[in-house]
Amino acid sequence: GIQMHARPALVKEIIRRGHAVGNHTYTHARNPDQYVAEEELKNWHNLFKDITKRSTGLFRPPFGNLKSAYSSAALKAGYPLILWTNTGADTSKHINAEKVYKAVMEQLKPGDIVLLHDSKDKQHTATALPNIIKSIRDEGYSFVTVPEMLKEWSDGYDVVYGQRRKRSGEAISKLVFAFAFYRIFERIAGLKVPRDTGDFRLMDRRAVDALQSLREHHRF
């Protein structure tokens, strides 16, 4: 919120380019009490609406803390809590652009939400980002916003997958194994399985509860 207040033109440009923006609190405090947390979310919302003439239904808690007063306040206000599945570790000590790039690409899977930061001391992230975007696209992925995934869920789907469109740059042995795996699994299980989708990424509570009720320790 503080950064948004200082750079309203940048916020408008981000929206104009089609990016999704989520509430990340007003001051990013580490341990606010419940009253402060609720006020910060309201202040962020009001400022964002004043600048952009729109609202957002997304929230990411500072430090990824799901047990903080911020998270409690967000759930009370009706926000879904959005975290990440892949990080460039760009807040680590002794980090550089090459390490940020390597961290993201080594973890990359379909449906990932990649965590990166932007601030005056994150030039290494800005330097790495064009290469990360190019490499991700070269590997057959496309970028979608969190609201696009949430829309599929709100339309009634219990599970929303991320799926690669192509598998450029992979070894022939891996391509053959990936091709065969889904088809053999379908034949054995007698179920239609979305192919080349990797891990689940967005699951409705009903689907999660169903999985947790199963006795298997290792579930596909």
C-alpha atoms as a PDB file:
ATOM      1  CA  GLY A   1       0.000   0.000   0.000  1.00  0.00           C
ATOM      2  CA  ILE A   2       2.782   2.436   0.832  1.00  0.00           C
ATOM      3  CA  GLN A   3       4.455   1.733  -2.514  1.00  0.00           C
ATOM      4  CA  MET A   4       1.144   1.982  -4.339  1.00  0.00           C
ATOM      5  CA  HIS A   5       0.483   5.378  -2.729  1.00  0.00           C
ATOM      6  CA  ALA A   6       3.910   6.591  -3.882  1.00  0.00           C
ATOM      7  CA  ARG A   7       3.504   5.304  -7.476  1.00  0.00           C
ATOM      8  CA  PRO A   8      -0.137   5.532  -8.576  1.00  0.00           C
ATOM      9  CA  ALA A   9       0.808   5.960 -12.250  1.00  0.00           C
ATOM     10  CA  LEU A  10       2.738   2.676 -12.161  1.00  0.00           C
ATOM     11  CA  VAL A  11      -0.287   0.907 -10.659  1.00  0.00           C
ATOM     12  CA  LYS A  12      -2.473   2.195 -13.485  1.00  0.00           C
ATOM     13  CA  GLU A  13       0.075   1.030 -16.069  1.00  0.00           C
ATOM     14  CA  ILE A  14       0.194  -2.458 -14.516  1.00  0.00           C
ATOM     15  CA  ILE A  15      -3.586  -2.702 -14.775  1.00  0.00           C
ATOM     16  CA  ARG A  16      -3.584  -1.288 -18.316  1.00  0.00           C
ATOM     17  CA  ARG A  17      -1.240  -4.092 -19.413  1.00  0.00           C
ATOM     18  CA  GLY A  18      -3.661  -6.735 -18.156  1.00  0.00           C
ATOM     19  CA  HIS A  19      -1.889  -7.902 -15.015  1.00  0.00           C
ATOM     20  CA  ALA A  20      -3.781  -9.052 -11.924  1.00  0.00           C
ATOM     21  CA  VAL A  21      -3.111  -7.197  -8.672  1.00  0.00           C
ATOM     22  CA  GLY A  22      -3.759  -8.546  -5.186  1.00  0.00           C
ATOM     23  CA  ASN A  23      -3.949  -7.025  -1.721  1.00  0.00           C
ATOM     24  CA  HIS A  24      -0.617  -7.465   0.088  1.00  0.00           C
ATOM     25  CA  THR A  25      -1.440  -5.190   3.084  1.00  0.00           C
ATOM     26  CA  TYR A  26      -0.589  -1.539   3.522  1.00  0.00           C
ATOM     27  CA  THR A  27       2.698  -1.729   5.450  1.00  0.00           C
ATOM     28  CA  HIS A  28       3.789  -5.392   5.247  1.00  0.00           C
ATOM     29  CA  ALA A  29       4.265  -5.550   9.028  1.00  0.00           C
ATOM     30  CA  ARG A  30       5.533  -8.786  10.525  1.00  0.00           C
ATOM     31  CA  ASN A  31       3.232  -9.165  13.548  1.00  0.00           C
ATOM     32  CA  PRO A  32       0.257  -6.763  13.509  1.00  0.00           C
ATOM     33  CA  ASP A  33      -2.650  -7.249  15.891  1.00  0.00           C
ATOM     34  CA  GLN A  34      -6.097  -8.074  14.528  1.00  0.00           C
ATOM     35  CA  TYR A  35      -7.377  -4.488  14.522  1.00  0.00           C
ATOM     36  CA  VAL A  36      -4.328  -3.159  12.665  1.00  0.00           C
ATOM     37  CA  ALA A  37      -4.499  -6.026  10.164  1.00  0.00           C
ATOM     38  CA  GLU A  38      -8.149  -5.374   9.354  1.00  0.00           C
ATOM     39  CA  GLU A  39      -7.551  -1.631   8.988  1.00  0.00           C
ATOM     40  CA  GLU A  40      -4.575  -2.191   6.676  1.00  0.00           C
ATOM     41  CA  LEU A  41      -6.587  -4.419   4.348  1.00  0.00           C
ATOM     42  CA  LYS A  42      -9.364  -1.828   4.223  1.00  0.00           C
ATOM     43  CA  ASN A  43      -6.907   1.015   3.585  1.00  0.00           C
ATOM     44  CA  TRP A  44      -5.199  -0.939   0.806  1.00  0.00           C
ATOM     45  CA  HIS A  45      -8.553  -1.755  -0.789  1.00  0.00           C
ATOM     46  CA  ASN A  46      -9.745   1.865  -0.647  1.00  0.00           C
ATOM     47  CA  LEU A  47      -6.497   3.198  -2.123  1.00  0.00           C
ATOM     48  CA  PHE A  48      -6.457   0.634  -4.925  1.00  0.00           C
ATOM     49  CA  LYS A  49     -10.066   1.403  -5.784  1.00  0.00           C
ATOM     50  CA  ASP A  50      -9.371   5.138  -5.732  1.00  0.00           C
ATOM     51  CA  ILE A  51      -6.426   4.742  -8.127  1.00  0.00           C
ATOM     52  CA  THR A  52      -7.832   2.128 -10.516  1.00  0.00           C
ATOM     53  CA  LYS A  53     -11.625   2.441 -10.091  1.00  0.00           C
ATOM     54  CA  ARG A  54     -11.787  -1.318  -9.529  1.00  0.00           C
ATOM     55  CA  SER A  55     -11.352  -3.854  -6.743  1.00  0.00           C
ATOM     56  CA  THR A  56      -9.511  -7.152  -6.364  1.00  0.00           C
ATOM     57  CA  GLY A  57     -10.442 -10.487  -4.845  1.00  0.00           C
ATOM     58  CA  LEU A  58      -6.875 -11.699  -4.196  1.00  0.00           C
ATOM     59  CA  PHE A  59      -4.693 -11.585  -1.096  1.00  0.00           C
ATOM     60  CA  ARG A  60      -1.185 -12.782  -0.347  1.00  0.00           C
ATOM     61  CA  PRO A  61      -0.094 -12.670   3.302  1.00  0.00           C
ATOM     62  CA  PRO A  62       3.302 -11.091   4.054  1.00  0.00           C
ATOM     63  CA  PHE A  63       6.016 -13.735   4.497  1.00  0.00           C
ATOM     64  CA  GLY A  64       3.473 -16.364   3.418  1.00  0.00           C
ATOM     65  CA  ASN A  65       2.235 -16.558   7.008  1.00  0.00           C
ATOM     66  CA  LEU A  66      -1.161 -18.273   6.939  1.00  0.00           C
ATOM     67  CA  LYS A  67      -1.545 -17.964  10.717  1.00  0.00           C
ATOM     68  CA  SER A  68      -1.028 -14.203  10.944  1.00  0.00           C
ATOM     69  CA  ALA A  69      -3.635 -11.605  11.852  1.00  0.00           C
ATOM     70  CA  TYR A  70      -3.431 -10.485   8.217  1.00  0.00           C
ATOM     71  CA  SER A  71      -4.543 -13.914   6.983  1.00  0.00           C
ATOM     72  CA  SER A  72      -7.334 -14.040   9.542  1.00  0.00           C
ATOM     73  CA  ALA A  73      -8.505 -10.569   8.492  1.00  0.00           C
ATOM     74  CA  ALA A  74      -8.337 -11.522   4.805  1.00  0.00           C
ATOM     75  CA  LEU A  75     -10.451 -14.634   5.275  1.00  0.00           C
ATOM     76  CA  LYS A  76     -12.938 -12.613   7.317  1.00  0.00           C
ATOM     77  CA  ALA A  77     -13.160 -10.120   4.434  1.00  0.00           C
ATOM     78  CA  GLY A  78     -13.732 -12.905   1.894  1.00  0.00           C
ATOM     79  CA  TYR A  79     -10.309 -12.977   0.222  1.00  0.00           C
ATOM     80  CA  PRO A  80      -8.800 -16.272  -0.943  1.00  0.00           C
ATOM     81  CA  LEU A  81      -5.217 -16.650   0.309  1.00  0.00           C
ATOM     82  CA  ILE A  82      -2.848 -16.994  -2.666  1.00  0.00           C
ATOM     83  CA  LEU A  83       0.657 -18.318  -2.027  1.00  0.00           C
ATOM     84  CA  TRP A  84       3.267 -19.708  -4.435  1.00  0.00           C
ATOM     85  CA  THR A  85       4.716 -23.021  -5.606  1.00  0.00           C
ATOM     86  CA  ASN A  86       8.039 -21.821  -7.040  1.00  0.00           C
ATOM     87  CA  THR A  87      10.435 -19.144  -5.813  1.00  0.00           C
ATOM     88  CA  GLY A  88      13.470 -17.436  -7.276  1.00  0.00           C
ATOM     89  CA  ALA A  89      14.841 -17.004  -3.729  1.00  0.00           C
ATOM     90  CA  ASP A  90      15.616 -13.414  -4.692  1.00  0.00           C
ATOM     91  CA  THR A  91      15.569 -12.161  -1.089  1.00  0.00           C
ATOM     92  CA  SER A  92      18.448 -14.480  -0.113  1.00  0.00           C
ATOM     93  CA  LYS A  93      21.920 -13.207   0.700  1.00  0.00           C
ATOM     94  CA  HIS A  94      24.603 -13.336  -1.979  1.00  0.00           C
ATOM     95  CA  ILE A  95      21.977 -13.735  -4.710  1.00  0.00           C
ATOM     96  CA  ASN A  96      22.480 -12.730  -8.340  1.00  0.00           C
ATOM     97  CA  ALA A  97      20.557 -12.875 -11.608  1.00  0.00           C
ATOM     98  CA  GLU A  98      22.018 -16.238 -12.608  1.00  0.00           C
ATOM     99  CA  LYS A  99      20.994 -17.820  -9.279  1.00  0.00           C
ATOM    100  CA  VAL A 100      17.463 -16.382  -9.531  1.00  0.00           C
ATOM    101  CA  TYR A 101      17.093 -17.778 -13.055  1.00  0.00           C
ATOM    102  CA  LYS A 102      18.439 -21.193 -12.041  1.00  0.00           C
ATOM    103  CA  ALA A 103      16.206 -21.407  -8.951  1.00  0.00           C
ATOM    104  CA  VAL A 104      13.031 -20.777 -10.969  1.00  0.00           C
ATOM    105  CA  MET A 105      13.867 -23.025 -13.909  1.00  0.00           C
ATOM    106  CA  GLU A 106      15.037 -25.992 -11.813  1.00  0.00           C
ATOM    107  CA  GLN A 107      11.727 -26.066  -9.914  1.00  0.00           C
ATOM    108  CA  LEU A 108       9.438 -25.363 -12.862  1.00  0.00           C
ATOM    109  CA  LYS A 109       6.272 -27.460 -13.167  1.00  0.00           C
ATOM    110  CA  PRO A 110       2.887 -26.986 -14.876  1.00  0.00           C
ATOM    111  CA  GLY A 111       0.590 -24.701 -12.906  1.00  0.00           C
ATOM    112  CA  ASP A 112       3.353 -23.009 -10.916  1.00  0.00           C
ATOM    113  CA  ILE A 113       2.894 -19.634  -9.265  1.00  0.00           C
ATOM    114  CA  VAL A 114       6.389 -18.100  -9.245  1.00  0.00           C
ATOM    115  CA  LEU A 115       7.362 -15.778  -6.401  1.00  0.00           C
ATOM    116  CA  LEU A 116       9.637 -12.866  -7.302  1.00  0.00           C
ATOM    117  CA  HIS A 117      10.055  -9.429  -5.722  1.00  0.00           C
ATOM    118  CA  ASP A 118      10.475  -5.936  -7.091  1.00  0.00           C
ATOM    119  CA  SER A 119      12.201  -3.168  -5.135  1.00  0.00           C
ATOM    120  CA  LYS A 120      15.195  -0.881  -5.436  1.00  0.00           C
ATOM    121  CA  ASP A 121      17.545  -3.616  -4.172  1.00  0.00           C
ATOM    122  CA  LYS A 122      16.253  -6.331  -6.531  1.00  0.00           C
ATOM    123  CA  GLN A 123      18.128  -5.464  -9.710  1.00  0.00           C
ATOM    124  CA  HIS A 124      19.172  -9.115  -9.935  1.00  0.00           C
ATOM    125  CA  THR A 125      15.495 -10.060 -10.288  1.00  0.00           C
ATOM    126  CA  ALA A 126      14.871  -7.456 -12.987  1.00  0.00           C
ATOM    127  CA  THR A 127      17.940  -8.710 -14.871  1.00  0.00           C
ATOM    128  CA  ALA A 128      16.887 -12.363 -14.633  1.00  0.00           C
ATOM    129  CA  LEU A 129      13.205 -11.886 -15.486  1.00  0.00           C
ATOM    130  CA  PRO A 130      13.415 -11.501 -19.313  1.00  0.00           C
ATOM    131  CA  ASN A 131      15.439 -14.721 -19.539  1.00  0.00           C
ATOM    132  CA  ILE A 132      13.045 -16.524 -17.188  1.00  0.00           C
ATOM    133  CA  ILE A 133      10.029 -15.502 -19.266  1.00  0.00           C
ATOM    134  CA  LYS A 134      11.702 -16.516 -22.531  1.00  0.00           C
ATOM    135  CA  SER A 135      12.852 -19.882 -21.204  1.00  0.00           C
ATOM    136  CA  ILE A 136       9.450 -20.686 -19.716  1.00  0.00           C
ATOM    137  CA  ARG A 137       7.772 -19.948 -23.049  1.00  0.00           C
ATOM    138  CA  ASP A 138      10.424 -21.917 -24.939  1.00  0.00           C
ATOM    139  CA  GLU A 139       9.586 -24.949 -22.776  1.00  0.00           C
ATOM    140  CA  GLY A 140       5.972 -24.810 -23.942  1.00  0.00           C
ATOM    141  CA  TYR A 141       4.309 -22.944 -21.104  1.00  0.00           C
ATOM    142  CA  SER A 142       1.997 -19.952 -21.371  1.00  0.00           C
ATOM    143  CA  PHE A 143       1.217 -17.411 -18.672  1.00  0.00           C
ATOM    144  CA  VAL A 144      -2.216 -16.959 -17.117  1.00  0.00           C
ATOM    145  CA  THR A 145      -3.364 -14.840 -14.202  1.00  0.00           C
ATOM    146  CA  VAL A 146      -4.611 -16.233 -10.908  1.00  0.00           C
ATOM    147  CA  PRO A 147      -8.141 -14.874 -11.646  1.00  0.00           C
ATOM    148  CA  GLU A 148      -8.166 -16.917 -14.863  1.00  0.00           C
ATOM    149  CA  MET A 149      -7.540 -20.095 -12.861  1.00  0.00           C
ATOM    150  CA  LEU A 150     -10.061 -19.089 -10.204  1.00  0.00           C
ATOM    151  CA  LYS A 151     -12.680 -18.464 -12.902  1.00  0.00           C
ATOM    152  CA  GLU A 152     -12.487 -22.109 -13.955  1.00  0.00           C
ATOM    153  CA  TRP A 153     -13.090 -23.109 -10.341  1.00  0.00           C
ATOM    154  CA  SER A 154     -15.982 -20.657  -9.926  1.00  0.00           C
ATOM    155  CA  ASP A 155     -17.499 -22.095 -13.122  1.00  0.00           C
ATOM    156  CA  GLY A 156     -17.857 -25.400 -11.308  1.00  0.00           C
ATOM    157  CA  TYR A 157     -14.612 -27.333 -11.866  1.00  0.00           C
ATOM    158  CA  ASP A 158     -13.260 -29.164  -8.796  1.00  0.00           C
ATOM    159  CA  VAL A 159      -9.674 -29.300 -10.093  1.00  0.00           C
ATOM    160  CA  VAL A 160      -7.908 -26.815 -12.388  1.00  0.00           C
ATOM    161  CA  TYR A 161      -4.710 -28.021 -14.040  1.00  0.00           C
ATOM    162  CA  GLY A 162      -1.759 -26.256 -15.586  1.00  0.00           C
ATOM    163  CA  GLN A 163      -0.795 -27.983 -18.834  1.00  0.00           C
ATOM    164  CA  ARG A 164       2.261 -27.648 -21.057  1.00  0.00           C
ATOM    165  CA  ARG A 165       1.583 -26.997 -24.739  1.00  0.00           C
ATOM    166  CA  LYS A 166       4.914 -28.431 -25.911  1.00  0.00           C
ATOM    167  CA  ARG A 167       8.004 -30.049 -24.376  1.00  0.00           C
ATOM    168  CA  SER A 168      10.865 -28.381 -26.228  1.00  0.00           C
ATOM    169  CA  GLY A 169      14.412 -29.043 -25.091  1.00  0.00           C
ATOM    170  CA  GLU A 170      13.748 -32.273 -23.177  1.00  0.00           C
ATOM    171  CA  ALA A 171      15.660 -35.526 -23.682  1.00  0.00           C
ATOM    172  CA  ILE A 172      14.039 -38.096 -25.985  1.00  0.00           C
ATOM    173  CA  SER A 173      13.946 -40.629 -23.140  1.00  0.00           C
ATOM    174  CA  LYS A 174      11.959 -38.230 -20.968  1.00  0.00           C
ATOM    175  CA  LEU A 175       9.585 -37.398 -23.809  1.00  0.00           C
ATOM    176  CA  VAL A 176       8.922 -41.089 -24.458  1.00  0.00           C
ATOM    177  CA  PHE A 177       8.390 -41.837 -20.762  1.00  0.00           C
ATOM    178  CA  ALA A 178       6.017 -38.857 -20.310  1.00  0.00           C
ATOM    179  CA  PHE A 179       4.040 -39.853 -23.414  1.00  0.00           C
ATOM    180  CA  ALA A 180       3.706 -43.453 -22.245  1.00  0.00           C
ATOM    181  CA  PHE A 181       3.031 -42.761 -18.580  1.00  0.00           C
ATOM    182  CA  TYR A 182      -0.344 -41.055 -18.922  1.00  0.00           C
ATOM    183  CA  ARG A 183      -1.604 -43.512 -21.513  1.00  0.00           C
ATOM    184  CA  ILE A 184      -0.576 -46.588 -19.510  1.00  0.00           C
ATOM    185  CA  PHE A 185      -2.093 -45.093 -16.380  1.00  0.00           C
ATOM    186  CA  GLU A 186      -5.366 -44.465 -18.221  1.00  0.00           C
ATOM    187  CA  ARG A 187      -5.467 -48.063 -19.465  1.00  0.00           C
ATOM    188  CA  ILE A 188      -4.749 -49.580 -16.043  1.00  0.00           C
ATOM    189  CA  ALA A 189      -7.070 -47.287 -14.074  1.00  0.00           C
ATOM    190  CA  GLY A 190      -9.853 -47.202 -16.624  1.00  0.00           C
ATOM    191  CA  LEU A 191     -10.107 -43.457 -16.100  1.00  0.00           C
ATOM    192  CA  LYS A 192      -9.612 -40.504 -18.407  1.00  0.00           C
ATOM    193  CA  VAL A 193      -6.582 -38.612 -17.101  1.00  0.00           C
ATOM    194  CA  PRO A 194      -5.622 -35.147 -18.424  1.00  0.00           C
ATOM    195  CA  ARG A 195      -2.317 -35.740 -20.190  1.00  0.00           C
ATOM    196  CA  ASP A 196       0.945 -33.870 -19.503  1.00  0.00           C
ATOM    197  CA  THR A 197      -0.630 -31.834 -16.734  1.00  0.00           C
ATOM    198  CA  GLY A 198       1.914 -32.393 -13.995  1.00  0.00           C
ATOM    199  CA  ASP A 199       0.783 -31.780 -10.444  1.00  0.00           C
ATOM    200  CA  PHE A 200      -2.603 -30.507  -9.301  1.00  0.00           C
ATOM    201  CA  ARG A 201      -2.540 -26.791  -8.722  1.00  0.00           C
ATOM    202  CA  LEU A 202      -6.026 -25.597  -7.786  1.00  0.00           C
ATOM    203  CA  MET A 203      -8.418 -27.927  -5.971  1.00  0.00           C
ATOM    204  CA  ASP A 204     -11.858 -27.379  -4.516  1.00  0.00           C
ATOM    205  CA  ARG A 205     -12.343 -28.260  -0.843  1.00  0.00           C
ATOM    206  CA  ARG A 206     -14.635 -31.110  -1.922  1.00  0.00           C
ATOM    207  CA  ALA A 207     -11.812 -32.661  -3.962  1.00  0.00           C
ATOM    208  CA  VAL A 208      -9.280 -32.179  -1.164  1.00  0.00           C
ATOM    209  CA  ASP A 209     -11.595 -33.834   1.367  1.00  0.00           C
ATOM    210  CA  ALA A 210     -12.155 -36.765  -1.004  1.00  0.00           C
ATOM    211  CA  LEU A 211      -8.394 -37.274  -1.426  1.00  0.00           C
ATOM    212  CA  GLN A 212      -7.777 -37.096   2.300  1.00  0.00           C
ATOM    213  CA  SER A 213     -10.402 -39.771   2.901  1.00  0.00           C
ATOM    214  CA  LEU A 214      -8.416 -42.304   0.831  1.00  0.00           C
ATOM    215  CA  ARG A 215      -6.160 -44.802   2.596  1.00  0.00           C
ATOM    216  CA  GLU A 216      -3.262 -44.649   0.109  1.00  0.00           C
ATOM    217  CA  HIS A 217      -0.108 -42.966   1.349  1.00  0.00           C
ATOM    218  CA  HIS A 218       1.184 -42.150  -2.147  1.00  0.00           C
ATOM    219  CA  ARG A 219      -1.532 -40.822  -4.426  1.00  0.00           C
ATOM    220  CA  PHE A 220      -1.209 -40.036  -8.107  1.00  0.00           C
END
